[in-house]
């Protein structure tokens, strides 16, 4: 796996994304990235075009202790906007989510929730699920 991190120019949030573009905002960090649909290089970060794949491509920390293979719940997030544009949860993900803390109706695993069409997406990493002290990861989180 390489350490590829895509360029992340400032996104003008006052305008909707252009046609064919995907815009993802990661909360609480408030970091927004934008890219042409289906253009991210895939290097094994969860499912291709998953929120974990996007986060890894842009250097945004989303814990994934199992390596993004749907064997844990550390990439648990809440989809705040854009749920209609992502894949339906399959049985493996639903079974795994049953073991997650703080599950909500908008809960998904970042490694399994795949962006299926251009549009705007907002996801939140729950406060209790932010693990910033992890081997090879930052020693502190955003705002620390």
Protein backbone atom coordinates (compact mmCIF):
# COMPACT_ATOMS: atom_id res chain seq x y z
CA UNK A 1 0.00 0.00 0.00
CA UNK A 2 1.46 3.38 -0.94
CA UNK A 3 1.10 6.61 0.98
CA UNK A 4 -0.75 8.42 -1.82
CA UNK A 5 -2.59 11.53 -0.66
CA UNK A 6 -4.55 13.50 -3.25
CA UNK A 7 -4.26 17.26 -3.45
CA UNK A 8 -7.03 18.95 -1.51
CA UNK A 9 -7.66 22.46 -2.85
CA UNK A 10 -10.02 24.74 -0.95
CA UNK A 11 -13.66 23.94 -1.77
CA UNK A 12 -16.12 26.83 -2.32
CA UNK A 13 -18.99 25.71 -0.10
CA UNK A 14 -21.18 28.62 -1.24
CA UNK A 15 -21.77 26.79 -4.54
CA UNK A 16 -23.00 23.25 -5.19
CA UNK A 17 -20.49 20.82 -6.66
CA UNK A 18 -20.14 20.93 -10.45
CA UNK A 19 -21.80 18.21 -12.53
CA UNK A 20 -20.03 14.88 -12.15
CA UNK A 21 -18.27 15.91 -8.93
CA UNK A 22 -18.37 14.35 -5.47
CA UNK A 23 -18.10 16.59 -2.41
CA UNK A 24 -17.54 14.98 0.98
CA UNK A 25 -17.35 16.81 4.30
CA UNK A 26 -15.93 14.96 7.29
CA UNK A 27 -17.17 16.20 10.68
CA UNK A 28 -16.20 17.25 13.28
CA UNK A 29 -12.96 18.12 11.49
CA UNK A 30 -14.94 20.20 9.01
CA UNK A 31 -12.68 19.10 6.18
CA UNK A 32 -14.30 19.06 2.74
CA UNK A 33 -12.83 17.40 -0.33
CA UNK A 34 -14.07 17.39 -3.90
CA UNK A 35 -13.15 15.17 -6.85
CA UNK A 36 -14.57 13.89 -10.12
CA UNK A 37 -16.78 10.84 -9.58
CA UNK A 38 -15.05 7.48 -9.91
CA UNK A 39 -11.52 8.90 -10.28
CA UNK A 40 -9.90 8.04 -6.94
CA UNK A 41 -6.98 5.64 -7.06
CA UNK A 42 -7.84 2.52 -5.09
CA UNK A 43 -5.27 1.00 -2.79
CA UNK A 44 -7.28 -1.33 -0.55
CA UNK A 45 -8.87 1.13 1.88
CA UNK A 46 -12.24 -0.56 2.41
CA UNK A 47 -14.45 -0.84 -0.67
CA UNK A 48 -13.48 1.30 -3.68
CA UNK A 49 -15.15 4.76 -3.42
CA UNK A 50 -16.13 4.11 0.23
CA UNK A 51 -15.88 6.95 2.74
CA UNK A 52 -12.79 5.22 4.16
CA UNK A 53 -11.25 5.16 0.67
CA UNK A 54 -11.95 8.90 0.28
CA UNK A 55 -10.54 9.67 3.75
CA UNK A 56 -7.35 7.72 3.09
CA UNK A 57 -6.86 9.30 -0.34
CA UNK A 58 -7.04 12.79 1.22
CA UNK A 59 -5.10 12.17 4.44
CA UNK A 60 -8.17 12.42 6.67
CA UNK A 61 -7.92 10.21 9.75
CA UNK A 62 -10.71 7.61 9.98
CA UNK A 63 -9.66 4.76 12.23
CA UNK A 64 -9.94 1.27 10.70
CA UNK A 65 -8.30 -1.25 13.00
CA UNK A 66 -9.18 -4.23 10.79
CA UNK A 67 -7.68 -2.65 7.68
CA UNK A 68 -11.07 -1.83 6.17
CA UNK A 69 -12.31 -5.40 5.67
CA UNK A 70 -15.55 -5.11 7.70
CA UNK A 71 -14.17 -7.07 10.66
CA UNK A 72 -14.55 -4.33 13.31
CA UNK A 73 -16.51 -1.12 13.86
CA UNK A 74 -13.74 1.46 14.28
CA UNK A 75 -14.69 3.24 11.03
CA UNK A 76 -18.30 3.66 12.24
CA UNK A 77 -19.71 6.99 11.13
CA UNK A 78 -23.05 8.77 10.78
CA UNK A 79 -24.23 9.83 7.33
CA UNK A 80 -25.67 13.32 7.84
CA UNK A 81 -26.31 14.13 4.15
CA UNK A 82 -26.34 12.15 0.91
CA UNK A 83 -27.58 8.75 2.11
CA UNK A 84 -29.55 8.37 -1.14
CA UNK A 85 -26.31 8.37 -3.13
CA UNK A 86 -24.52 5.58 -1.27
CA UNK A 87 -24.75 1.82 -1.46
CA UNK A 88 -27.26 -0.10 0.62
CA UNK A 89 -25.78 -1.83 3.66
CA UNK A 90 -25.27 -5.55 3.02
CA UNK A 91 -25.74 -8.32 5.59
CA UNK A 92 -22.07 -8.44 6.63
CA UNK A 93 -22.06 -4.72 7.43
CA UNK A 94 -25.43 -4.89 9.21
CA UNK A 95 -24.22 -7.81 11.33
CA UNK A 96 -21.05 -5.92 12.24
CA UNK A 97 -22.97 -2.72 13.04
CA UNK A 98 -25.01 -4.66 15.61
CA UNK A 99 -21.82 -4.75 17.72
CA UNK A 100 -21.10 -1.01 17.37
CA UNK A 101 -21.59 1.44 20.22
CA UNK A 102 -24.04 4.30 19.75
CA UNK A 103 -25.70 2.95 16.61
CA UNK A 104 -28.21 5.29 14.97
CA UNK A 105 -30.48 4.98 11.94
CA UNK A 106 -27.82 6.78 9.86
CA UNK A 107 -24.93 4.61 11.09
CA UNK A 108 -22.65 3.04 8.48
CA UNK A 109 -19.18 1.58 8.38
CA UNK A 110 -16.88 3.89 6.46
CA UNK A 111 -15.22 0.91 4.78
CA UNK A 112 -18.52 -0.38 3.35
CA UNK A 113 -20.58 2.74 2.54
CA UNK A 114 -19.76 3.27 -1.14
CA UNK A 115 -20.47 6.52 -2.99
CA UNK A 116 -22.46 5.46 -6.06
CA UNK A 117 -23.13 8.81 -7.73
CA UNK A 118 -21.90 12.40 -7.81
CA UNK A 119 -23.30 14.75 -5.19
CA UNK A 120 -22.80 16.20 -1.73
CA UNK A 121 -22.11 13.99 1.27
CA UNK A 122 -21.60 14.87 4.93
CA UNK A 123 -20.41 12.24 7.40
CA UNK A 124 -19.60 12.55 11.08
CA UNK A 125 -17.17 10.46 13.07
CA UNK A 126 -18.87 10.09 16.47
CA UNK A 127 -16.90 11.63 19.34
CA UNK A 128 -16.63 8.36 21.24
CA UNK A 129 -15.26 6.65 18.11
CA UNK A 130 -12.32 9.01 17.49
CA UNK A 131 -9.16 7.09 18.28
CA UNK A 132 -6.25 9.44 17.66
CA UNK A 133 -3.61 7.38 19.41
CA UNK A 134 -3.01 4.48 17.05
CA UNK A 135 0.21 3.01 15.73
CA UNK A 136 1.27 4.96 12.67
CA UNK A 137 -1.43 7.60 13.11
CA UNK A 138 -1.39 11.14 14.51
CA UNK A 139 -0.75 11.47 18.25
CA UNK A 140 -3.60 13.97 18.51
CA UNK A 141 -6.87 14.72 16.81
CA UNK A 142 -8.22 17.82 15.15
CA UNK A 143 -8.30 20.81 17.44
CA UNK A 144 -6.05 19.19 20.04
